[in-house]
Protein backbone atom coordinates (compact mmCIF):
# COMPACT_ATOMS: atom_id res chain seq x y z
CA HIS A 1 71.71 -63.26 -57.46
CA LEU A 2 74.51 -62.61 -54.93
CA LYS A 3 73.93 -66.10 -53.55
CA ASN A 4 75.46 -67.42 -56.77
CA VAL A 5 78.62 -65.43 -56.02
CA LEU A 6 79.12 -67.09 -52.64
CA GLY A 7 80.94 -70.06 -54.16
CA GLN A 8 83.38 -67.70 -55.90
CA ILE A 9 83.95 -65.81 -52.66
CA GLN A 10 84.73 -69.03 -50.81
CA ALA A 11 87.01 -70.20 -53.63
CA TYR A 12 89.17 -67.13 -53.00
CA GLY A 13 89.35 -67.97 -49.30
CA LEU A 14 87.33 -64.94 -48.24
CA TYR A 15 84.78 -64.89 -45.46
CA CYS A 16 81.21 -63.73 -46.03
CA HIS A 17 78.88 -62.05 -43.56
CA TRP A 18 75.37 -61.12 -44.68
CA VAL A 19 75.08 -57.68 -43.14
CA ALA A 20 72.00 -56.48 -45.04
CA PRO A 21 69.22 -57.76 -47.30
CA PHE A 22 70.41 -58.35 -50.85
CA PRO A 23 69.26 -55.00 -52.36
CA ALA A 24 71.28 -53.09 -49.75
CA VAL A 25 74.66 -54.61 -50.66
CA ASP A 26 76.63 -52.32 -52.93
CA ASP A 27 78.96 -54.87 -54.49
CA ASN A 28 80.58 -58.25 -54.01
CA CYS A 29 83.78 -56.81 -52.48
CA THR A 30 81.78 -55.08 -49.76
CA LEU A 31 79.99 -58.36 -49.09
CA ALA A 32 83.25 -60.30 -48.85
CA HIS A 33 84.92 -58.03 -46.31
CA TRP A 34 82.76 -59.01 -43.35
CA MET A 35 83.47 -61.71 -40.83
CA PRO A 36 81.59 -65.01 -41.20
CA VAL A 37 78.24 -66.09 -39.81
CA GLU A 38 76.33 -69.22 -40.70
CA GLN A 39 73.30 -67.62 -42.33
CA GLU A 40 71.71 -64.37 -43.47
CA PRO A 41 70.27 -62.34 -40.55
CA PRO A 42 66.80 -60.84 -40.76
CA THR A 43 66.32 -57.23 -41.84
CA SER A 44 65.49 -56.25 -38.28
CA SER A 45 66.68 -57.39 -34.87
CA ALA A 46 66.90 -56.35 -31.24
CA LEU A 47 69.72 -54.04 -32.26
CA GLY A 48 67.69 -52.09 -34.78
CA ILE A 49 66.74 -52.10 -38.46
CA TRP A 50 69.00 -52.61 -41.51
CA ARG A 51 68.50 -50.13 -44.34
CA ASP A 52 70.94 -49.52 -47.23
CA GLY A 53 73.82 -51.15 -45.38
CA VAL A 54 73.27 -49.03 -42.24
CA LEU A 55 72.13 -50.27 -38.84
CA TYR A 56 69.65 -47.82 -37.28
CA VAL A 57 69.72 -47.96 -33.47
CA GLN A 58 67.31 -45.74 -31.50
CA SER A 59 66.91 -43.44 -34.52
CA LYS A 60 70.71 -43.10 -34.92
CA ALA A 61 72.59 -44.51 -37.92
CA VAL A 62 75.67 -46.59 -37.08
CA ARG A 63 77.75 -47.80 -40.02
CA LEU A 64 79.68 -50.93 -39.15
CA GLU A 65 83.27 -51.18 -40.37
CA HIS A 66 85.48 -54.24 -40.86
CA LYS A 67 88.72 -54.23 -38.86
CA TYR A 68 91.50 -54.77 -41.37
CA MET A 69 95.09 -55.63 -40.74
CA GLN A 70 97.29 -52.59 -41.18
CA TRP A 71 99.33 -53.35 -44.32
CA ILE A 72 102.70 -51.58 -44.59
CA LEU A 73 104.41 -51.90 -47.97
CA GLN A 74 107.95 -51.00 -48.97
CA ASP A 75 107.85 -49.32 -52.37
CA LEU A 76 109.15 -52.08 -54.68
CA GLU A 77 108.02 -53.52 -58.03
CA ASP A 78 106.73 -56.73 -56.43
CA THR A 79 104.79 -54.94 -53.72
CA ARG A 80 103.11 -52.76 -56.34
CA ASN A 81 101.59 -55.97 -57.70
CA MET A 82 100.45 -56.77 -54.17
CA ALA A 83 98.95 -53.28 -53.90
CA ASP A 84 96.80 -54.01 -56.96
CA ALA A 85 95.36 -57.03 -55.15
CA LEU A 86 94.79 -54.99 -51.98
CA ASP A 87 92.99 -52.36 -54.04
CA ARG A 88 90.71 -54.99 -55.61
CA LEU A 89 89.90 -56.35 -52.16
CA GLU A 90 89.43 -52.80 -50.83
CA ILE A 91 92.01 -53.35 -48.10
CA PRO A 92 93.89 -50.16 -47.14
CA TYR A 93 97.69 -49.93 -47.09
CA THR A 94 100.49 -47.35 -46.92
CA TRP A 95 103.76 -46.93 -48.85
CA HIS A 96 107.15 -46.49 -47.17
CA LYS A 97 110.86 -46.54 -47.94
CA VAL A 98 113.57 -48.11 -45.80
CA ILE A 99 116.44 -45.82 -44.79
CA PRO A 100 119.62 -47.76 -45.74
CA PHE A 101 121.82 -49.08 -42.89
CA ILE A 102 119.43 -47.60 -40.31
CA GLY A 103 116.27 -49.58 -40.96
CA GLU A 104 113.79 -46.82 -40.12
CA LEU A 105 110.81 -46.21 -42.42
CA THR A 106 110.03 -42.99 -44.19
CA PRO A 107 107.46 -41.66 -43.82
CA ALA A 108 107.12 -43.18 -40.38
CA PRO A 109 103.91 -45.23 -40.26
CA ILE A 110 101.20 -44.30 -37.80
CA ILE A 111 100.53 -47.60 -36.05
CA LYS A 112 96.91 -48.00 -35.02
CA ASP A 113 97.26 -51.37 -33.33
CA PRO A 114 100.72 -53.00 -32.97
CA ASN A 115 99.01 -56.39 -32.75
CA ALA A 116 97.44 -56.06 -36.20
CA VAL A 117 100.24 -55.04 -38.57
CA VAL A 118 101.77 -56.95 -41.48
CA MET A 119 104.72 -55.73 -43.58
CA PHE A 120 105.93 -56.66 -47.08
CA GLY A 121 109.09 -55.62 -48.89
CA SER A 122 112.75 -56.37 -48.20
CA TYR A 123 113.82 -58.82 -45.50
CA SER A 124 115.30 -56.00 -43.43
CA LEU A 125 111.77 -55.00 -42.42
CA TRP A 126 111.92 -57.63 -39.66
CA ARG A 127 114.21 -55.32 -37.66
CA TYR A 128 111.63 -52.53 -37.73
CA ALA A 129 108.86 -54.96 -36.81
CA GLN A 130 110.90 -56.35 -33.92
CA ALA A 131 112.03 -52.95 -32.65
CA ASN A 132 108.44 -51.69 -32.60
CA ASN A 133 106.90 -54.97 -31.39
CA LEU A 134 104.63 -55.25 -34.42
CA LYS A 135 102.66 -58.48 -34.78
CA PRO A 136 102.60 -60.45 -36.90
CA GLY A 137 104.83 -57.87 -38.62
CA VAL A 138 107.20 -60.19 -40.47
CA PHE A 139 106.70 -63.96 -40.35
CA LYS A 140 110.16 -65.19 -39.35
CA ILE A 141 111.07 -68.80 -39.98
CA ARG A 142 113.59 -71.32 -38.67
CA PRO A 143 116.40 -72.65 -40.90
CA PHE A 144 114.78 -75.37 -42.98
CA VAL A 145 117.87 -77.61 -42.84
CA HIS A 146 117.39 -77.99 -39.09
CA GLU A 147 113.85 -79.37 -39.49
CA THR A 148 114.33 -83.12 -39.13
CA SER A 149 110.89 -83.97 -40.52
CA TRP A 150 111.98 -82.54 -43.88
CA HIS A 151 115.41 -84.19 -44.06
CA PRO A 152 114.28 -87.17 -46.21
CA PHE A 153 112.90 -84.81 -48.87
CA LEU A 154 115.68 -82.22 -49.12
CA LEU A 155 117.70 -81.72 -52.27
CA ASN A 156 120.27 -79.76 -50.26
CA GLY A 157 120.84 -80.70 -46.66
CA ALA A 158 120.93 -84.42 -45.96
CA ASP A 159 124.57 -84.84 -47.04
CA ALA A 160 125.58 -81.18 -46.95
CA LEU A 161 128.75 -79.57 -45.66
CA PHE A 162 128.23 -76.83 -43.05
CA SER A 163 130.77 -74.16 -42.24
CA THR A 164 130.97 -70.63 -40.88
CA LEU A 165 132.45 -68.10 -43.24
CA ARG A 166 135.58 -67.67 -41.08
CA ASP A 167 136.33 -71.41 -41.39
CA VAL A 168 135.89 -71.62 -45.18
CA PRO A 169 139.55 -70.92 -46.16
CA GLU A 170 140.74 -73.81 -43.98
CA GLN A 171 137.89 -76.29 -44.41
CA LEU A 172 137.23 -75.97 -48.15
CA PRO A 173 140.01 -77.35 -50.39
CA ASP A 174 140.77 -75.17 -53.42
CA ASP A 175 140.35 -78.00 -55.92
CA GLY A 176 138.22 -76.22 -58.53
CA LYS A 177 135.11 -78.15 -57.53
CA ASP A 178 131.73 -76.48 -57.90
CA TRP A 179 129.39 -76.13 -54.93
CA PHE A 180 125.89 -74.86 -54.45
CA LEU A 181 125.98 -72.60 -51.38
CA ARG A 182 123.60 -70.42 -49.44
CA PRO A 183 123.32 -69.12 -45.88
CA VAL A 184 121.68 -71.56 -43.47
CA ASP A 185 119.55 -68.79 -41.97
CA ASP A 186 116.90 -67.10 -44.11
CA SER A 187 118.70 -63.79 -43.74
CA LYS A 188 119.09 -62.82 -47.41
CA GLU A 189 122.79 -62.22 -46.72
CA ALA A 190 123.60 -63.87 -50.06
CA PRO A 191 121.47 -65.63 -52.69
CA GLY A 192 121.80 -69.35 -53.26
CA THR A 193 124.18 -69.92 -56.16
CA VAL A 194 126.71 -72.30 -57.69
CA ARG A 195 130.36 -71.20 -57.32
CA SER A 196 133.77 -72.77 -57.68
CA THR A 197 135.83 -73.35 -54.55
CA GLY A 198 138.27 -70.66 -55.69
CA ASP A 199 135.47 -68.08 -55.92
CA ILE A 200 134.06 -69.14 -52.55
CA ILE A 201 137.44 -68.86 -50.79
CA ALA A 202 138.07 -65.46 -52.41
CA LEU A 203 134.66 -64.26 -51.20
CA ALA A 204 135.39 -65.47 -47.68
CA ASN A 205 138.79 -63.77 -47.57
CA LYS A 206 137.26 -60.53 -48.82
CA VAL A 207 134.72 -60.50 -45.97
CA LEU A 208 137.27 -61.63 -43.37
CA ALA A 209 139.54 -58.71 -44.34
CA LEU A 210 136.89 -56.36 -42.90
CA GLN A 211 136.34 -55.62 -39.23
CA GLU A 212 132.93 -56.69 -37.96
CA HIS A 213 131.78 -53.08 -37.53
CA GLU A 214 132.72 -52.34 -41.16
CA ILE A 215 130.29 -54.92 -42.57
CA PRO A 216 126.90 -53.47 -43.58
CA LYS A 217 123.76 -54.91 -42.03
CA GLY A 218 122.29 -57.71 -44.09
CA SER A 219 125.66 -58.82 -45.52
CA LEU A 220 127.70 -61.97 -44.93
CA ARG A 221 129.58 -61.77 -41.66
CA HIS A 222 132.47 -63.69 -40.11
CA ASP A 223 130.12 -65.99 -38.20
CA SER A 224 127.55 -66.50 -41.01
CA GLU A 225 126.78 -70.23 -41.28
CA LEU A 226 126.80 -71.56 -44.83
CA ILE A 227 125.57 -74.80 -46.38
CA PHE A 228 127.47 -76.45 -49.26
CA THR A 229 125.96 -79.18 -51.46
CA GLN A 230 126.59 -80.86 -54.79
CA PRO A 231 124.93 -79.08 -57.75
CA ALA A 232 122.00 -81.08 -59.15
CA HIS A 233 120.26 -81.31 -62.53
CA ILE A 234 116.92 -79.58 -61.99
CA LEU A 235 114.12 -79.86 -64.55
CA LYS A 236 111.49 -77.55 -63.02
CA GLU A 237 111.20 -75.29 -59.98
CA TRP A 238 108.06 -74.07 -58.25
CA ARG A 239 107.33 -71.69 -55.41
CA LEU A 240 104.33 -72.30 -53.16
CA TRP A 241 102.85 -70.09 -50.46
CA ALA A 242 101.76 -71.77 -47.21
CA VAL A 243 99.42 -69.84 -44.91
CA GLY A 244 97.91 -71.44 -41.83
CA ASP A 245 99.39 -74.83 -42.79
CA GLU A 246 97.67 -74.80 -46.18
CA ILE A 247 99.01 -74.18 -49.69
CA VAL A 248 97.11 -71.11 -50.91
CA THR A 249 98.82 -70.39 -54.24
CA PHE A 250 101.82 -71.35 -56.38
CA SER A 251 103.94 -70.41 -59.39
CA LEU A 252 106.37 -72.07 -61.76
CA TYR A 253 109.54 -69.98 -61.90
CA LYS A 254 112.11 -72.06 -63.74
CA GLU A 255 112.26 -74.72 -66.46
CA GLY A 256 115.75 -76.13 -66.78
CA SER A 257 118.02 -73.10 -66.98
CA ARG A 258 115.26 -70.78 -68.26
CA VAL A 259 113.45 -68.39 -65.94
CA VAL A 260 109.75 -68.83 -66.68
CA TYR A 261 106.93 -67.36 -64.60
CA ARG A 262 103.57 -69.12 -65.01
CA HIS A 263 100.70 -69.77 -62.63
CA GLU A 264 100.84 -73.53 -62.99
CA ILE A 265 102.10 -76.62 -61.22
CA ASP A 266 102.17 -80.36 -61.94
CA ASP A 267 99.58 -82.30 -59.96
CA ASP A 268 102.14 -84.53 -58.24
CA ALA A 269 104.28 -81.49 -57.35
CA LEU A 270 101.30 -79.82 -55.65
CA GLU A 271 100.58 -82.99 -53.68
CA PHE A 272 104.26 -83.23 -52.74
CA ALA A 273 104.21 -79.66 -51.38
CA LYS A 274 101.02 -80.33 -49.41
CA MET A 275 102.68 -83.39 -47.90
CA LEU A 276 105.70 -81.31 -46.84
CA VAL A 277 103.45 -78.82 -45.06
CA GLU A 278 101.60 -81.64 -43.32
CA GLU A 279 104.89 -83.24 -42.24
CA ASN A 280 105.91 -80.09 -40.36
CA PRO A 281 102.76 -78.44 -38.98
CA SER A 282 103.07 -75.04 -37.33
CA TYR A 283 106.54 -74.48 -38.82
CA ALA A 284 105.46 -70.86 -39.26
CA PRO A 285 102.08 -69.10 -39.60
CA ALA A 286 103.00 -68.17 -43.17
CA TYR A 287 106.01 -69.01 -45.34
CA VAL A 288 107.22 -69.80 -48.84
CA ILE A 289 108.40 -73.26 -49.85
CA ASP A 290 110.39 -73.96 -53.05
CA ILE A 291 110.36 -77.43 -54.59
CA CYS A 292 111.81 -78.92 -57.76
CA ARG A 293 111.70 -81.88 -60.11
CA THR A 294 115.05 -83.60 -60.64
CA ASP A 295 116.23 -86.73 -62.42
CA ASP A 296 115.65 -88.47 -59.07
CA GLY A 297 112.12 -87.18 -58.56
CA LEU A 298 110.57 -84.33 -56.56
CA LYS A 299 112.71 -82.62 -53.93
CA MET A 300 112.39 -79.77 -51.48
CA LEU A 301 114.75 -76.87 -52.16
CA GLU A 302 114.24 -74.42 -49.30
CA THR A 303 111.87 -72.20 -47.39
CA ASN A 304 111.83 -68.41 -47.43
CA CYS A 305 110.28 -65.55 -45.51
CA ILE A 306 106.91 -64.88 -47.13
CA ASN A 307 107.19 -61.12 -46.51
CA ALA A 308 110.26 -60.76 -48.73
CA ALA A 309 109.90 -63.55 -51.31
CA GLY A 310 109.26 -62.78 -54.99
CA PHE A 311 105.66 -63.31 -56.07
CA TYR A 312 106.33 -64.54 -59.63
CA GLU A 313 102.87 -65.51 -60.97
CA ALA A 314 101.17 -66.30 -57.68
CA ASP A 315 97.48 -65.57 -57.24
CA LEU A 316 97.90 -62.42 -55.13
CA LEU A 317 94.19 -62.07 -54.44
CA GLN A 318 94.26 -65.48 -52.80
CA LEU A 319 97.52 -64.75 -50.98
CA VAL A 320 96.43 -61.37 -49.62
CA SER A 321 93.02 -62.57 -48.46
CA SER A 322 94.57 -65.63 -46.77
CA ILE A 323 97.11 -63.56 -44.87
CA ASP A 324 94.54 -60.94 -43.87
CA LYS A 325 92.22 -63.67 -42.66
CA LEU A 326 94.98 -65.53 -40.82
CA SER A 327 96.38 -62.43 -39.17
CA VAL A 328 93.10 -60.92 -38.04
CA GLY A 329 91.85 -64.28 -36.84
CA SER A 330 94.96 -64.85 -34.73
CA GLN A 331 94.60 -61.64 -32.70
């Protein structure tokens, strides 16, 4: 009867390896955690004999184990939802906290293989991953506004104003106009938001009044590059997760001005997102892409680091299995 489950396993993006005759498999999760082969092997081979999920070699029992990625999670509400998915897939993980302004983890993780580690939590985890040469660690991405293949589809970018924070007081006229602004880099220094020019200039002056060494890590700095665009009327907003140049899951997160989390997407919006991924292959091994429906049609909003982006109502089983498969397969 487990053969009937194979379609469900493949639908979740998991690989299947028949490691024993059907009666010896404990459950579907065990079955799904093995690397793929094309067909079921016989119950005996040159290596030995399978019995109850154990390979007997020269009268010695050797239990084969799947090599998982080492998953390191910062203790946050979103990552607790991810932990539920990891539990269901029987993938091990460890919990850690980030020491503010230092970036070290507590407790310090015991790294088994620096080439097989993935981290989820706040964006600041990239510093720990980089300092300890963990791969993939955190999937860093390039500023989306610099990707020319996406320029025709951007809501914010094609006709945007760019400025460093230090140049804002001189370049931005205090005329009461509203702007949508966000950092160009996916650094989480400030969220994208609509502000009046007066508020923006006041913010810039507040930061510029500090010496560089007085500014906390992860905050706007004197040389932070910002993008300014005209606010637009947005009808719906979706977040999609791209892993290995494929959309693996999605979530609605806004309707008009209302925050609404539902695991749904319009058919044309899903096709639009797939087209964006195809237009810029190998942008990053894994990333998040936000799109929207406006009065002028579908537009691309931005990309974000997948390790620090909110999950909303994404299918976390699909997301986790896709990342684990991508990461292990890339070693």
